[in-house]
Structures are given as structure tokens and as C-alpha cells.
Amino acid sequence: MPRVERSREIARRRTRRAKLAKLRKKYAEAQTDAERDEIFAKARRISPFVEFQAEAKEE
């Protein structure tokens, strides 16, 4: 039986959060600014309002 809209929405949100968690980890481990920019661009495609710079400055 196909999913209803609400369960699809929840599944999309869970997937997005998991992808962003992976990208945050990669961003923290990135050595060069070019790597960070590439990772941040991917994150922006997934979630346009994501912020990584503030987190990196705090650490």
C-alpha cells in the first residue's frame, strides 16, 4: 500500500537530516577551504537555509 503524504513528508525529513549530519561531519573533517565550499554547496542544495559557518567558528 502506498504511503500517505504525511509519512512521505516525514521520510523526506529523516533522509534530509541524515544527509546533513553526514555533510556536517565531512565539513568538520575537511582540510581545505575548497573542500569546505564543495561540501557546503551540496548542503545548500539539500537544505537552502542550512548554516555550517557558525558551527565551525564556535569550535
PDB file of N, CA and C in Angstrom:
ATOM      1  N   MET A   1       0.852  -1.168   0.000  1.00  0.00           N
ATOM      2  CA  MET A   1       0.000   0.000   0.000  1.00  0.00           C
ATOM      3  C   MET A   1       0.903   1.238   0.000  1.00  0.00           C
ATOM      4  N   PRO A   2       0.618   2.220  -0.828  1.00  0.00           N
ATOM      5  CA  PRO A   2       1.471   3.398  -0.904  1.00  0.00           C
ATOM      6  C   PRO A   2       1.384   4.261   0.353  1.00  0.00           C
ATOM      7  N   ARG A   3       2.417   5.052   0.526  1.00  0.00           N
ATOM      8  CA  ARG A   3       2.448   5.941   1.684  1.00  0.00           C
ATOM      9  C   ARG A   3       1.498   7.112   1.502  1.00  0.00           C
ATOM     10  N   VAL A   4       0.988   7.583   2.608  1.00  0.00           N
ATOM     11  CA  VAL A   4       0.192   8.803   2.572  1.00  0.00           C
ATOM     12  C   VAL A   4       1.153   9.988   2.597  1.00  0.00           C
ATOM     13  N   GLU A   5       0.645  11.151   2.277  1.00  0.00           N
ATOM     14  CA  GLU A   5       1.505  12.335   2.153  1.00  0.00           C
ATOM     15  C   GLU A   5       2.294  12.619   3.429  1.00  0.00           C
ATOM     16  N   ARG A   6       1.681  12.494   4.568  1.00  0.00           N
ATOM     17  CA  ARG A   6       2.366  12.803   5.835  1.00  0.00           C
ATOM     18  C   ARG A   6       3.559  11.886   6.073  1.00  0.00           C
ATOM     19  N   SER A   7       3.395  10.595   5.807  1.00  0.00           N
ATOM     20  CA  SER A   7       4.517   9.679   6.040  1.00  0.00           C
ATOM     21  C   SER A   7       5.634   9.920   5.025  1.00  0.00           C
ATOM     22  N   ARG A   8       5.289  10.334   3.806  1.00  0.00           N
ATOM     23  CA  ARG A   8       6.314  10.699   2.821  1.00  0.00           C
ATOM     24  C   ARG A   8       7.083  11.925   3.282  1.00  0.00           C
ATOM     25  N   GLU A   9       6.354  12.881   3.837  1.00  0.00           N
ATOM     26  CA  GLU A   9       6.983  14.099   4.339  1.00  0.00           C
ATOM     27  C   GLU A   9       7.961  13.774   5.470  1.00  0.00           C
ATOM     28  N   ILE A  10       7.539  12.921   6.378  1.00  0.00           N
ATOM     29  CA  ILE A  10       8.395  12.526   7.489  1.00  0.00           C
ATOM     30  C   ILE A  10       9.621  11.780   6.984  1.00  0.00           C
ATOM     31  N   ALA A  11       9.439  10.895   6.018  1.00  0.00           N
ATOM     32  CA  ALA A  11      10.561  10.140   5.453  1.00  0.00           C
ATOM     33  C   ALA A  11      11.557  11.082   4.774  1.00  0.00           C
ATOM     34  N   ARG A  12      11.041  12.066   4.027  1.00  0.00           N
ATOM     35  CA  ARG A  12      11.931  13.051   3.389  1.00  0.00           C
ATOM     36  C   ARG A  12      12.723  13.822   4.433  1.00  0.00           C
ATOM     37  N   ARG A  13      12.059  14.205   5.508  1.00  0.00           N
ATOM     38  CA  ARG A  13      12.726  14.969   6.569  1.00  0.00           C
ATOM     39  C   ARG A  13      13.819  14.135   7.230  1.00  0.00           C
ATOM     40  N   ARG A  14      13.525  12.869   7.510  1.00  0.00           N
ATOM     41  CA  ARG A  14      14.527  11.992   8.134  1.00  0.00           C
ATOM     42  C   ARG A  14      15.733  11.806   7.223  1.00  0.00           C
ATOM     43  N   THR A  15      15.476  11.600   5.931  1.00  0.00           N
ATOM     44  CA  THR A  15      16.565  11.436   4.970  1.00  0.00           C
ATOM     45  C   THR A  15      17.401  12.696   4.897  1.00  0.00           C
ATOM     46  N   ARG A  16      16.748  13.843   4.845  1.00  0.00           N
ATOM     47  CA  ARG A  16      17.456  15.120   4.781  1.00  0.00           C
ATOM     48  C   ARG A  16      18.329  15.324   6.013  1.00  0.00           C
ATOM     49  N   ARG A  17      17.795  15.028   7.180  1.00  0.00           N
ATOM     50  CA  ARG A  17      18.571  15.195   8.418  1.00  0.00           C
ATOM     51  C   ARG A  17      19.777  14.273   8.438  1.00  0.00           C
ATOM     52  N   ALA A  18      19.613  13.043   7.963  1.00  0.00           N
ATOM     53  CA  ALA A  18      20.727  12.096   7.936  1.00  0.00           C
ATOM     54  C   ALA A  18      21.810  12.568   6.967  1.00  0.00           C
ATOM     55  N   LYS A  19      21.407  13.054   5.792  1.00  0.00           N
ATOM     56  CA  LYS A  19      22.373  13.544   4.811  1.00  0.00           C
ATOM     57  C   LYS A  19      23.114  14.759   5.349  1.00  0.00           C
ATOM     58  N   LEU A  20      22.379  15.660   5.984  1.00  0.00           N
ATOM     59  CA  LEU A  20      23.021  16.849   6.535  1.00  0.00           C
ATOM     60  C   LEU A  20      23.979  16.492   7.667  1.00  0.00           C
ATOM     61  N   ALA A  21      23.652  15.489   8.449  1.00  0.00           N
ATOM     62  CA  ALA A  21      24.560  15.054   9.519  1.00  0.00           C
ATOM     63  C   ALA A  21      25.866  14.540   8.924  1.00  0.00           C
ATOM     64  N   LYS A  22      25.774  13.763   7.847  1.00  0.00           N
ATOM     65  CA  LYS A  22      26.979  13.272   7.181  1.00  0.00           C
ATOM     66  C   LYS A  22      27.801  14.423   6.616  1.00  0.00           C
ATOM     67  N   LEU A  23      27.099  15.393   6.003  1.00  0.00           N
ATOM     68  CA  LEU A  23      27.807  16.529   5.420  1.00  0.00           C
ATOM     69  C   LEU A  23      28.442  17.403   6.502  1.00  0.00           C
ATOM     70  N   ARG A  24      27.783  17.546   7.647  1.00  0.00           N
ATOM     71  CA  ARG A  24      28.380  18.319   8.748  1.00  0.00           C
ATOM     72  C   ARG A  24      29.668  17.658   9.230  1.00  0.00           C
ATOM     73  N   LYS A  25      29.643  16.331   9.312  1.00  0.00           N
ATOM     74  CA  LYS A  25      30.831  15.593   9.755  1.00  0.00           C
ATOM     75  C   LYS A  25      31.966  15.764   8.740  1.00  0.00           C
ATOM     76  N   LYS A  26      31.639  15.629   7.452  1.00  0.00           N
ATOM     77  CA  LYS A  26      32.646  15.823   6.406  1.00  0.00           C
ATOM     78  C   LYS A  26      33.189  17.245   6.438  1.00  0.00           C
ATOM     79  N   TYR A  27      32.311  18.207   6.659  1.00  0.00           N
ATOM     80  CA  TYR A  27      32.703  19.619   6.699  1.00  0.00           C
ATOM     81  C   TYR A  27      33.694  19.853   7.837  1.00  0.00           C
ATOM     82  N   ALA A  28      33.427  19.255   8.985  1.00  0.00           N
ATOM     83  CA  ALA A  28      34.312  19.414  10.137  1.00  0.00           C
ATOM     84  C   ALA A  28      35.677  18.778   9.884  1.00  0.00           C
ATOM     85  N   GLU A  29      35.714  17.705   9.109  1.00  0.00           N
ATOM     86  CA  GLU A  29      36.960  16.999   8.834  1.00  0.00           C
ATOM     87  C   GLU A  29      37.703  17.550   7.623  1.00  0.00           C
ATOM     88  N   ALA A  30      37.067  18.441   6.864  1.00  0.00           N
ATOM     89  CA  ALA A  30      37.671  18.965   5.635  1.00  0.00           C
ATOM     90  C   ALA A  30      38.943  19.751   5.957  1.00  0.00           C
ATOM     91  N   GLN A  31      39.956  19.578   5.118  1.00  0.00           N
ATOM     92  CA  GLN A  31      41.255  20.216   5.343  1.00  0.00           C
ATOM     93  C   GLN A  31      41.356  21.573   4.653  1.00  0.00           C
ATOM     94  N   THR A  32      40.817  21.695   3.460  1.00  0.00           N
ATOM     95  CA  THR A  32      40.987  22.921   2.686  1.00  0.00           C
ATOM     96  C   THR A  32      39.671  23.675   2.562  1.00  0.00           C
ATOM     97  N   ASP A  33      39.795  24.948   2.231  1.00  0.00           N
ATOM     98  CA  ASP A  33      38.597  25.763   2.021  1.00  0.00           C
ATOM     99  C   ASP A  33      37.821  25.297   0.794  1.00  0.00           C
ATOM    100  N   ALA A  34      38.538  24.792  -0.213  1.00  0.00           N
ATOM    101  CA  ALA A  34      37.862  24.308  -1.418  1.00  0.00           C
ATOM    102  C   ALA A  34      36.955  23.122  -1.093  1.00  0.00           C
ATOM    103  N   GLU A  35      37.453  22.209  -0.259  1.00  0.00           N
ATOM    104  CA  GLU A  35      36.639  21.064   0.167  1.00  0.00           C
ATOM    105  C   GLU A  35      35.410  21.550   0.933  1.00  0.00           C
ATOM    106  N   ARG A  36      35.620  22.502   1.849  1.00  0.00           N
ATOM    107  CA  ARG A  36      34.511  23.024   2.646  1.00  0.00           C
ATOM    108  C   ARG A  36      33.465  23.684   1.752  1.00  0.00           C
ATOM    109  N   ASP A  37      33.915  24.451   0.771  1.00  0.00           N
ATOM    110  CA  ASP A  37      32.974  25.111  -0.137  1.00  0.00           C
ATOM    111  C   ASP A  37      32.158  24.101  -0.926  1.00  0.00           C
ATOM    112  N   GLU A  38      32.807  23.030  -1.377  1.00  0.00           N
ATOM    113  CA  GLU A  38      32.112  21.992  -2.142  1.00  0.00           C
ATOM    114  C   GLU A  38      31.056  21.299  -1.281  1.00  0.00           C
ATOM    115  N   ILE A  39      31.428  20.963  -0.054  1.00  0.00           N
ATOM    116  CA  ILE A  39      30.501  20.293   0.864  1.00  0.00           C
ATOM    117  C   ILE A  39      29.344  21.217   1.214  1.00  0.00           C
ATOM    118  N   PHE A  40      29.661  22.495   1.445  1.00  0.00           N
ATOM    119  CA  PHE A  40      28.615  23.460   1.796  1.00  0.00           C
ATOM    120  C   PHE A  40      27.641  23.657   0.636  1.00  0.00           C
ATOM    121  N   ALA A  41      28.156  23.634  -0.595  1.00  0.00           N
ATOM    122  CA  ALA A  41      27.285  23.772  -1.769  1.00  0.00           C
ATOM    123  C   ALA A  41      26.310  22.590  -1.858  1.00  0.00           C
ATOM    124  N   LYS A  42      26.796  21.387  -1.559  1.00  0.00           N
ATOM    125  CA  LYS A  42      25.909  20.215  -1.558  1.00  0.00           C
ATOM    126  C   LYS A  42      24.827  20.368  -0.494  1.00  0.00           C
ATOM    127  N   ALA A  43      25.236  20.836   0.675  1.00  0.00           N
ATOM    128  CA  ALA A  43      24.282  21.004   1.770  1.00  0.00           C
ATOM    129  C   ALA A  43      23.226  22.046   1.403  1.00  0.00           C
ATOM    130  N   ARG A  44      23.625  23.089   0.717  1.00  0.00           N
ATOM    131  CA  ARG A  44      22.679  24.127   0.303  1.00  0.00           C
ATOM    132  C   ARG A  44      21.662  23.589  -0.695  1.00  0.00           C
ATOM    133  N   ARG A  45      22.080  22.650  -1.541  1.00  0.00           N
ATOM    134  CA  ARG A  45      21.134  22.054  -2.486  1.00  0.00           C
ATOM    135  C   ARG A  45      20.091  21.208  -1.748  1.00  0.00           C
ATOM    136  N   ILE A  46      20.514  20.578  -0.662  1.00  0.00           N
ATOM    137  CA  ILE A  46      19.605  19.743   0.123  1.00  0.00           C
ATOM    138  C   ILE A  46      18.683  20.609   0.975  1.00  0.00           C
ATOM    139  N   SER A  47      19.275  21.614   1.637  1.00  0.00           N
ATOM    140  CA  SER A  47      18.512  22.477   2.537  1.00  0.00           C
ATOM    141  C   SER A  47      19.032  23.905   2.393  1.00  0.00           C
ATOM    142  N   PRO A  48      18.298  24.768   1.716  1.00  0.00           N
ATOM    143  CA  PRO A  48      18.791  26.103   1.366  1.00  0.00           C
ATOM    144  C   PRO A  48      19.172  26.994   2.540  1.00  0.00           C
ATOM    145  N   PHE A  49      18.626  26.758   3.712  1.00  0.00           N
ATOM    146  CA  PHE A  49      18.882  27.657   4.842  1.00  0.00           C
ATOM    147  C   PHE A  49      19.855  27.068   5.863  1.00  0.00           C
ATOM    148  N   VAL A  50      20.550  26.010   5.503  1.00  0.00           N
ATOM    149  CA  VAL A  50      21.477  25.362   6.426  1.00  0.00           C
ATOM    150  C   VAL A  50      22.656  26.301   6.718  1.00  0.00           C
ATOM    151  N   GLU A  51      23.168  26.234   7.945  1.00  0.00           N
ATOM    152  CA  GLU A  51      24.313  27.050   8.352  1.00  0.00           C
ATOM    153  C   GLU A  51      25.417  26.135   8.862  1.00  0.00           C
ATOM    154  N   PHE A  52      26.586  26.230   8.261  1.00  0.00           N
ATOM    155  CA  PHE A  52      27.750  25.486   8.745  1.00  0.00           C
ATOM    156  C   PHE A  52      28.795  26.436   9.317  1.00  0.00           C
ATOM    157  N   GLN A  53      28.906  27.656   8.797  1.00  0.00           N
ATOM    158  CA  GLN A  53      29.951  28.571   9.204  1.00  0.00           C
ATOM    159  C   GLN A  53      29.883  28.883  10.698  1.00  0.00           C
ATOM    160  N   ALA A  54      28.721  29.137  11.227  1.00  0.00           N
ATOM    161  CA  ALA A  54      28.582  29.482  12.631  1.00  0.00           C
ATOM    162  C   ALA A  54      29.072  28.341  13.528  1.00  0.00           C
ATOM    163  N   GLU A  55      28.783  27.105  13.122  1.00  0.00           N
ATOM    164  CA  GLU A  55      29.200  25.947  13.916  1.00  0.00           C
ATOM    165  C   GLU A  55      30.713  25.777  13.892  1.00  0.00           C
ATOM    166  N   ALA A  56      31.318  26.013  12.734  1.00  0.00           N
ATOM    167  CA  ALA A  56      32.757  25.839  12.605  1.00  0.00           C
ATOM    168  C   ALA A  56      33.498  26.893  13.419  1.00  0.00           C
ATOM    169  N   LYS A  57      32.964  28.116  13.480  1.00  0.00           N
ATOM    170  CA  LYS A  57      33.608  29.193  14.224  1.00  0.00           C
ATOM    171  C   LYS A  57      33.551  28.951  15.716  1.00  0.00           C
ATOM    172  N   GLU A  58      32.495  28.302  16.198  1.00  0.00           N
ATOM    173  CA  GLU A  58      32.328  28.041  17.626  1.00  0.00           C
ATOM    174  C   GLU A  58      33.352  27.041  18.130  1.00  0.00           C
ATOM    175  N   GLU A  59      33.748  26.105  17.296  1.00  0.00           N
ATOM    176  CA  GLU A  59      34.650  25.032  17.736  1.00  0.00           C
ATOM    177  C   GLU A  59      36.061  25.468  17.847  1.00  0.00           C
TER     178      GLU A  59
END
